[in-house]
Amino acid sequence: MSAFLAIIGLILVVWWPLVVDYVSTFDPRYPIWVQIDWLLIGVFAVMSLLIMAGADVRTDWVILLVGLGGGLVIETWGTQTQLWTYYTLERPPLWIIPAWPIASLSIDRLYRFLNWATRSWRSATFDLLYWTALPAFLVIMVAFVAPTLDKSLTWGALALCVLITLTPRNARAVVLTFAAGAGLGYFLELWGTTRACWTYYTGATPPLFAVLAHGMAAVAFWRTAELLRSILPATFARGAQPAPASSPEGTAIEPGSASEPHVTPPLSA
C-alpha cells in the first residue's frame, strides 16, 4: 500500500499542471457531469482497486522499478521513431512514465485472477495458445513498425520480442500475463487515442498492435523482474523468487506462490 500511495503522490505532482489545464477547459454553461471524462475515472478506479488487492511492498517494489524503467524505454522507442506522438510533442513526455508501474501492478493482479480462473486448464492448452499468440503478435508487429525498420531502436525492440518468444519459460504464465496486459491495454489505448492524448501514425483509435503490445510488454517486464530477483540478495527478493528453471512448462501456479510472476506493462504503447 505504501508503494502504491508513493506512486499516486508522484503522479499527482507530475500531472498537476495537466489537471489544471484540463479543468480550465470546462464550460460553465454545461453541467460538470457531462464534461467529466468517465472512461478515465473508471479505468483509474478499477486499477486502484486491483492494486490494493494483495498489495505487498516486499514484492511490488520490483514491479514498480521494472515498470518505471521499462516504460521509459518503450516511450523513448515509440516517440523517437514517431510510431506515436503525444499532444505535447515531447519525445517522450516524462509525465506519462509514472503511469507504467501503476499499470504493471494492475496487470499483476489480473494475472492472479486469470491464473485462478484457469486452474483446471491443461498445460497443452497453454502451449498451443503460446505458439499461436506470440508468433502472431510478431507478424503484426513487423507490419506495424515497417516504416521504421531503418531505426536501430526498432530493430532492438524486434530482437527482444523474438528472443522472448523463442525462449519460453512457462507457457501458462506467459499466456495469462499476455492476456492480462492486452486486456487492460485495450481500455488504456481506447482512452488515450480517442482523447488525442497520444496518436499513432496510422490514426487508428486504437490500432490492434498497440493493444497487443501491452501484452508483450507485460511479458517482457515479468521476464526482467525474474532476472532481477535471481540476482538480488534473498533479503531484497523475499517472497518473490521466480520459478526454478527446471519447473515444467505450463504447471499451474497458485496466486502468491514463490513461482508466480509479479510483473506486467505498459500504459500507452
Protein backbone atom coordinates (compact mmCIF):
# COMPACT_ATOMS: atom_id res chain seq x y z
CA MET A 1 0.00 0.00 0.00
CA SER A 2 2.82 2.41 0.83
CA ALA A 3 4.37 1.86 -2.60
CA PHE A 4 1.00 2.47 -4.24
CA LEU A 5 0.50 5.72 -2.32
CA ALA A 6 4.01 6.85 -3.20
CA ILE A 7 3.35 6.33 -6.91
CA ILE A 8 -0.02 8.09 -6.64
CA GLY A 9 1.73 11.01 -4.96
CA LEU A 10 4.30 11.14 -7.75
CA ILE A 11 1.58 11.09 -10.39
CA LEU A 12 -0.30 13.92 -8.67
CA VAL A 13 2.84 16.06 -8.58
CA VAL A 14 3.81 15.36 -12.20
CA TRP A 15 0.28 15.53 -13.60
CA TRP A 16 -0.98 18.52 -11.63
CA PRO A 17 -0.28 21.04 -14.46
CA LEU A 18 -2.17 18.75 -16.85
CA VAL A 19 -5.10 18.55 -14.46
CA VAL A 20 -5.19 22.35 -14.20
CA ASP A 21 -5.20 22.64 -17.99
CA TYR A 22 -7.99 20.06 -18.26
CA VAL A 23 -10.21 21.76 -15.68
CA SER A 24 -9.69 25.10 -17.41
CA THR A 25 -11.47 23.68 -20.48
CA PHE A 26 -14.73 23.17 -18.56
CA ASP A 27 -17.54 25.30 -19.92
CA PRO A 28 -19.71 26.79 -17.14
CA ARG A 29 -22.69 26.77 -19.50
CA TYR A 30 -22.91 22.98 -19.26
CA PRO A 31 -23.26 20.67 -16.25
CA ILE A 32 -19.93 19.41 -14.96
CA TRP A 33 -21.09 15.80 -15.02
CA VAL A 34 -21.40 15.83 -18.82
CA GLN A 35 -17.86 17.20 -19.16
CA ILE A 36 -16.14 14.73 -16.85
CA ASP A 37 -14.08 12.01 -18.52
CA TRP A 38 -15.89 8.99 -17.10
CA LEU A 39 -13.77 6.49 -19.04
CA LEU A 40 -10.61 7.84 -17.43
CA ILE A 41 -12.17 7.82 -13.98
CA GLY A 42 -13.48 4.29 -14.48
CA VAL A 43 -10.15 2.92 -15.68
CA PHE A 44 -8.25 4.60 -12.85
CA ALA A 45 -10.77 3.38 -10.26
CA VAL A 46 -10.51 -0.22 -11.46
CA MET A 47 -6.73 -0.05 -11.50
CA SER A 48 -6.70 1.39 -7.98
CA LEU A 49 -8.88 -1.43 -6.67
CA LEU A 50 -6.74 -4.02 -8.43
CA ILE A 51 -3.54 -2.62 -6.94
CA MET A 52 -4.93 -2.67 -3.41
CA ALA A 53 -5.85 -6.36 -3.78
CA GLY A 54 -2.98 -8.36 -2.35
CA ALA A 55 -0.58 -5.43 -2.14
CA ASP A 56 2.82 -6.39 -0.69
CA VAL A 57 5.67 -3.90 -0.82
CA ARG A 58 8.19 -6.77 -0.47
CA THR A 59 7.31 -7.96 -3.96
CA ASP A 60 5.62 -4.94 -5.52
CA TRP A 61 8.72 -2.76 -5.40
CA VAL A 62 10.30 -4.89 -8.12
CA ILE A 63 7.23 -4.38 -10.28
CA LEU A 64 7.38 -0.63 -9.74
CA LEU A 65 11.07 -0.48 -10.59
CA VAL A 66 10.73 -2.51 -13.77
CA GLY A 67 7.59 -0.60 -14.75
CA LEU A 68 9.35 2.75 -14.49
CA GLY A 69 12.43 1.62 -16.38
CA GLY A 70 10.54 -0.37 -18.98
CA GLY A 71 8.03 2.40 -19.53
CA LEU A 72 10.80 4.90 -20.19
CA VAL A 73 12.43 2.56 -22.72
CA ILE A 74 9.17 1.86 -24.57
CA GLU A 75 8.11 5.51 -24.66
CA THR A 76 11.54 6.53 -25.91
CA TRP A 77 11.38 3.97 -28.72
CA GLY A 78 7.86 4.86 -29.81
CA THR A 79 8.21 8.63 -29.72
CA GLN A 80 11.74 8.81 -31.14
CA THR A 81 10.69 6.69 -34.12
CA GLN A 82 7.36 8.58 -34.26
CA LEU A 83 5.26 5.44 -34.22
CA TRP A 84 3.16 7.52 -31.87
CA THR A 85 3.24 11.14 -30.74
CA TYR A 86 1.85 12.96 -27.72
CA TYR A 87 -0.14 16.15 -27.89
CA THR A 88 2.70 17.93 -26.08
CA LEU A 89 5.14 16.73 -28.78
CA GLU A 90 7.60 15.61 -26.08
CA ARG A 91 9.74 12.59 -27.02
CA PRO A 92 8.96 11.12 -24.57
CA PRO A 93 6.88 13.13 -22.09
CA LEU A 94 8.09 12.40 -18.56
CA TRP A 95 4.60 12.81 -17.15
CA ILE A 96 3.44 9.55 -18.75
CA ILE A 97 6.23 7.41 -17.26
CA PRO A 98 4.79 7.10 -13.70
CA ALA A 99 1.62 5.60 -15.17
CA TRP A 100 3.52 2.50 -16.29
CA PRO A 101 4.19 0.99 -12.85
CA ILE A 102 0.54 1.55 -11.93
CA ALA A 103 -0.48 -0.46 -14.99
CA SER A 104 2.14 -3.09 -14.16
CA LEU A 105 0.74 -3.64 -10.68
CA SER A 106 -2.80 -3.81 -12.06
CA ILE A 107 -1.84 -6.43 -14.63
CA ASP A 108 -0.11 -8.46 -11.94
CA ARG A 109 -3.41 -8.64 -10.04
CA LEU A 110 -5.31 -9.50 -13.22
CA TYR A 111 -2.84 -12.31 -13.84
CA ARG A 112 -3.54 -13.75 -10.40
CA PHE A 113 -7.26 -13.78 -11.13
CA LEU A 114 -6.79 -15.41 -14.54
CA ASN A 115 -4.47 -17.97 -13.01
CA TRP A 116 -7.17 -18.91 -10.51
CA ALA A 117 -9.92 -18.92 -13.15
CA THR A 118 -7.97 -21.26 -15.45
CA ARG A 119 -6.53 -23.53 -12.77
CA SER A 120 -8.21 -26.57 -14.34
CA TRP A 121 -6.88 -25.92 -17.86
CA ARG A 122 -4.40 -28.43 -19.26
CA SER A 123 -0.81 -27.40 -19.93
CA ALA A 124 -1.20 -28.47 -23.57
CA THR A 125 -3.82 -25.74 -24.00
CA PHE A 126 -1.37 -23.08 -22.90
CA ASP A 127 1.35 -24.50 -25.12
CA LEU A 128 -0.99 -24.15 -28.10
CA LEU A 129 -2.03 -20.63 -27.12
CA TYR A 130 1.60 -19.63 -26.61
CA TRP A 131 2.77 -20.74 -30.03
CA THR A 132 -0.29 -19.15 -31.63
CA ALA A 133 -0.46 -15.79 -29.87
CA LEU A 134 3.19 -14.77 -29.67
CA PRO A 135 4.21 -15.60 -33.26
CA ALA A 136 1.01 -13.88 -34.45
CA PHE A 137 1.97 -10.80 -32.47
CA LEU A 138 5.41 -10.78 -34.10
CA VAL A 139 3.80 -10.77 -37.55
CA ILE A 140 1.50 -7.90 -36.57
CA MET A 141 4.42 -6.03 -35.04
CA VAL A 142 6.62 -6.32 -38.12
CA ALA A 143 3.79 -5.00 -40.30
CA PHE A 144 3.11 -2.08 -37.95
CA VAL A 145 6.70 -0.96 -37.42
CA ALA A 146 7.73 -1.48 -41.07
CA PRO A 147 8.05 2.29 -41.75
CA THR A 148 10.70 2.50 -39.01
CA LEU A 149 12.83 -0.51 -39.93
CA ASP A 150 15.64 1.93 -40.71
CA LYS A 151 15.82 2.80 -36.99
CA SER A 152 18.11 0.90 -34.62
CA LEU A 153 15.58 1.26 -31.78
CA THR A 154 13.01 -0.66 -33.80
CA TRP A 155 15.46 -3.47 -34.53
CA GLY A 156 16.25 -3.63 -30.84
CA ALA A 157 12.56 -3.93 -29.97
CA LEU A 158 12.05 -6.64 -32.58
CA ALA A 159 15.08 -8.59 -31.38
CA LEU A 160 13.82 -8.51 -27.80
CA CYS A 161 10.36 -9.76 -28.78
CA VAL A 162 11.82 -12.57 -30.89
CA LEU A 163 14.13 -13.56 -28.04
CA ILE A 164 11.24 -13.69 -25.57
CA THR A 165 9.13 -15.76 -27.99
CA LEU A 166 11.85 -18.30 -28.74
CA THR A 167 12.85 -18.79 -25.09
CA PRO A 168 9.62 -19.81 -23.35
CA ARG A 169 9.92 -20.20 -19.60
CA ASN A 170 6.38 -21.09 -18.55
CA ALA A 171 3.70 -21.15 -21.24
CA ARG A 172 0.87 -20.77 -18.74
CA ALA A 173 2.37 -17.73 -17.06
CA VAL A 174 3.28 -16.07 -20.36
CA VAL A 175 -0.15 -16.59 -21.95
CA LEU A 176 -2.04 -15.31 -18.91
CA THR A 177 0.28 -12.34 -18.48
CA PHE A 178 -0.06 -11.52 -22.19
CA ALA A 179 -3.85 -11.72 -21.93
CA ALA A 180 -3.97 -9.55 -18.81
CA GLY A 181 -1.73 -6.93 -20.38
CA ALA A 182 -3.67 -6.79 -23.64
CA GLY A 183 -6.99 -6.69 -21.79
CA LEU A 184 -6.06 -3.68 -19.70
CA GLY A 185 -4.19 -2.19 -22.63
CA TYR A 186 -7.34 -2.01 -24.73
CA PHE A 187 -9.06 0.38 -22.34
CA LEU A 188 -5.93 2.46 -21.81
CA GLU A 189 -5.40 2.78 -25.56
CA LEU A 190 -9.08 3.50 -26.15
CA TRP A 191 -8.92 6.41 -23.74
CA GLY A 192 -5.59 7.79 -24.92
CA THR A 193 -6.28 7.65 -28.65
CA THR A 194 -9.89 8.84 -28.59
CA ARG A 195 -8.89 11.81 -26.39
CA ALA A 196 -5.92 12.57 -28.67
CA CYS A 197 -3.56 12.33 -25.71
CA TRP A 198 -1.36 10.25 -27.99
CA THR A 199 -1.78 9.49 -31.69
CA TYR A 200 -0.43 6.60 -33.75
CA TYR A 201 0.88 7.22 -37.22
CA THR A 202 -1.94 5.09 -38.65
CA GLY A 203 -4.60 7.22 -36.98
CA ALA A 204 -6.37 4.13 -35.58
CA THR A 205 -8.14 4.52 -32.22
CA PRO A 206 -6.57 2.24 -31.18
CA PRO A 207 -4.56 0.05 -33.57
CA LEU A 208 -4.54 -3.69 -32.85
CA PHE A 209 -0.77 -3.66 -32.49
CA ALA A 210 -0.92 -1.12 -29.66
CA VAL A 211 -3.38 -3.25 -27.69
CA LEU A 212 -1.39 -6.46 -28.12
CA ALA A 213 1.87 -4.63 -27.43
CA HIS A 214 0.70 -4.13 -23.86
CA GLY A 215 0.58 -7.90 -23.56
CA MET A 216 4.10 -8.38 -24.92
CA ALA A 217 5.40 -5.55 -22.74
CA ALA A 218 3.82 -7.25 -19.73
CA VAL A 219 5.66 -10.47 -20.55
CA ALA A 220 8.94 -8.61 -21.07
CA PHE A 221 8.53 -6.84 -17.72
CA TRP A 222 7.87 -10.16 -15.98
CA ARG A 223 10.96 -11.74 -17.51
CA THR A 224 13.02 -8.72 -16.43
CA ALA A 225 11.68 -8.96 -12.90
CA GLU A 226 12.58 -12.65 -12.78
CA LEU A 227 16.12 -11.76 -13.77
CA LEU A 228 16.34 -9.11 -11.06
CA ARG A 229 15.01 -11.47 -8.42
CA SER A 230 17.52 -14.14 -9.41
CA ILE A 231 20.50 -11.85 -8.84
CA LEU A 232 19.27 -9.84 -5.85
CA PRO A 233 20.13 -10.95 -2.31
CA ALA A 234 17.37 -13.06 -0.78
CA THR A 235 16.66 -10.27 1.71
CA PHE A 236 15.50 -7.95 -1.06
CA ALA A 237 13.71 -10.57 -3.15
CA ARG A 238 11.93 -12.21 -0.21
CA GLY A 239 8.61 -13.78 -1.16
CA ALA A 240 9.14 -13.12 -4.84
CA GLN A 241 11.55 -15.73 -6.13
CA PRO A 242 10.94 -16.87 -9.72
CA ALA A 243 10.07 -20.41 -10.69
CA PRO A 244 13.11 -22.69 -10.89
CA ALA A 245 14.40 -23.30 -14.39
CA SER A 246 13.56 -26.97 -14.04
CA SER A 247 9.86 -26.37 -13.38
CA PRO A 248 7.67 -27.92 -16.09
CA GLU A 249 6.13 -25.76 -18.76
CA GLY A 250 2.51 -24.87 -18.11
CA THR A 251 2.47 -26.03 -14.49
CA ALA A 252 -0.35 -24.34 -12.59
CA ILE A 253 0.94 -21.57 -10.34
CA GLU A 254 -1.02 -20.67 -7.25
CA PRO A 255 -1.51 -16.94 -6.57
CA GLY A 256 1.01 -15.70 -4.06
CA SER A 257 3.33 -18.67 -4.55
CA ALA A 258 7.06 -18.26 -4.93
CA SER A 259 6.91 -19.03 -8.65
CA GLU A 260 4.16 -16.63 -9.52
CA PRO A 261 5.16 -13.87 -11.96
CA HIS A 262 4.62 -10.45 -10.44
CA VAL A 263 5.32 -8.01 -13.26
CA THR A 264 3.47 -6.90 -16.33
CA PRO A 265 3.18 -3.36 -18.74
CA PRO A 266 2.69 -0.53 -20.33
CA LEU A 267 0.42 2.07 -20.32
CA SER A 268 0.47 3.59 -23.70
CA ALA A 269 2.48 1.52 -26.07
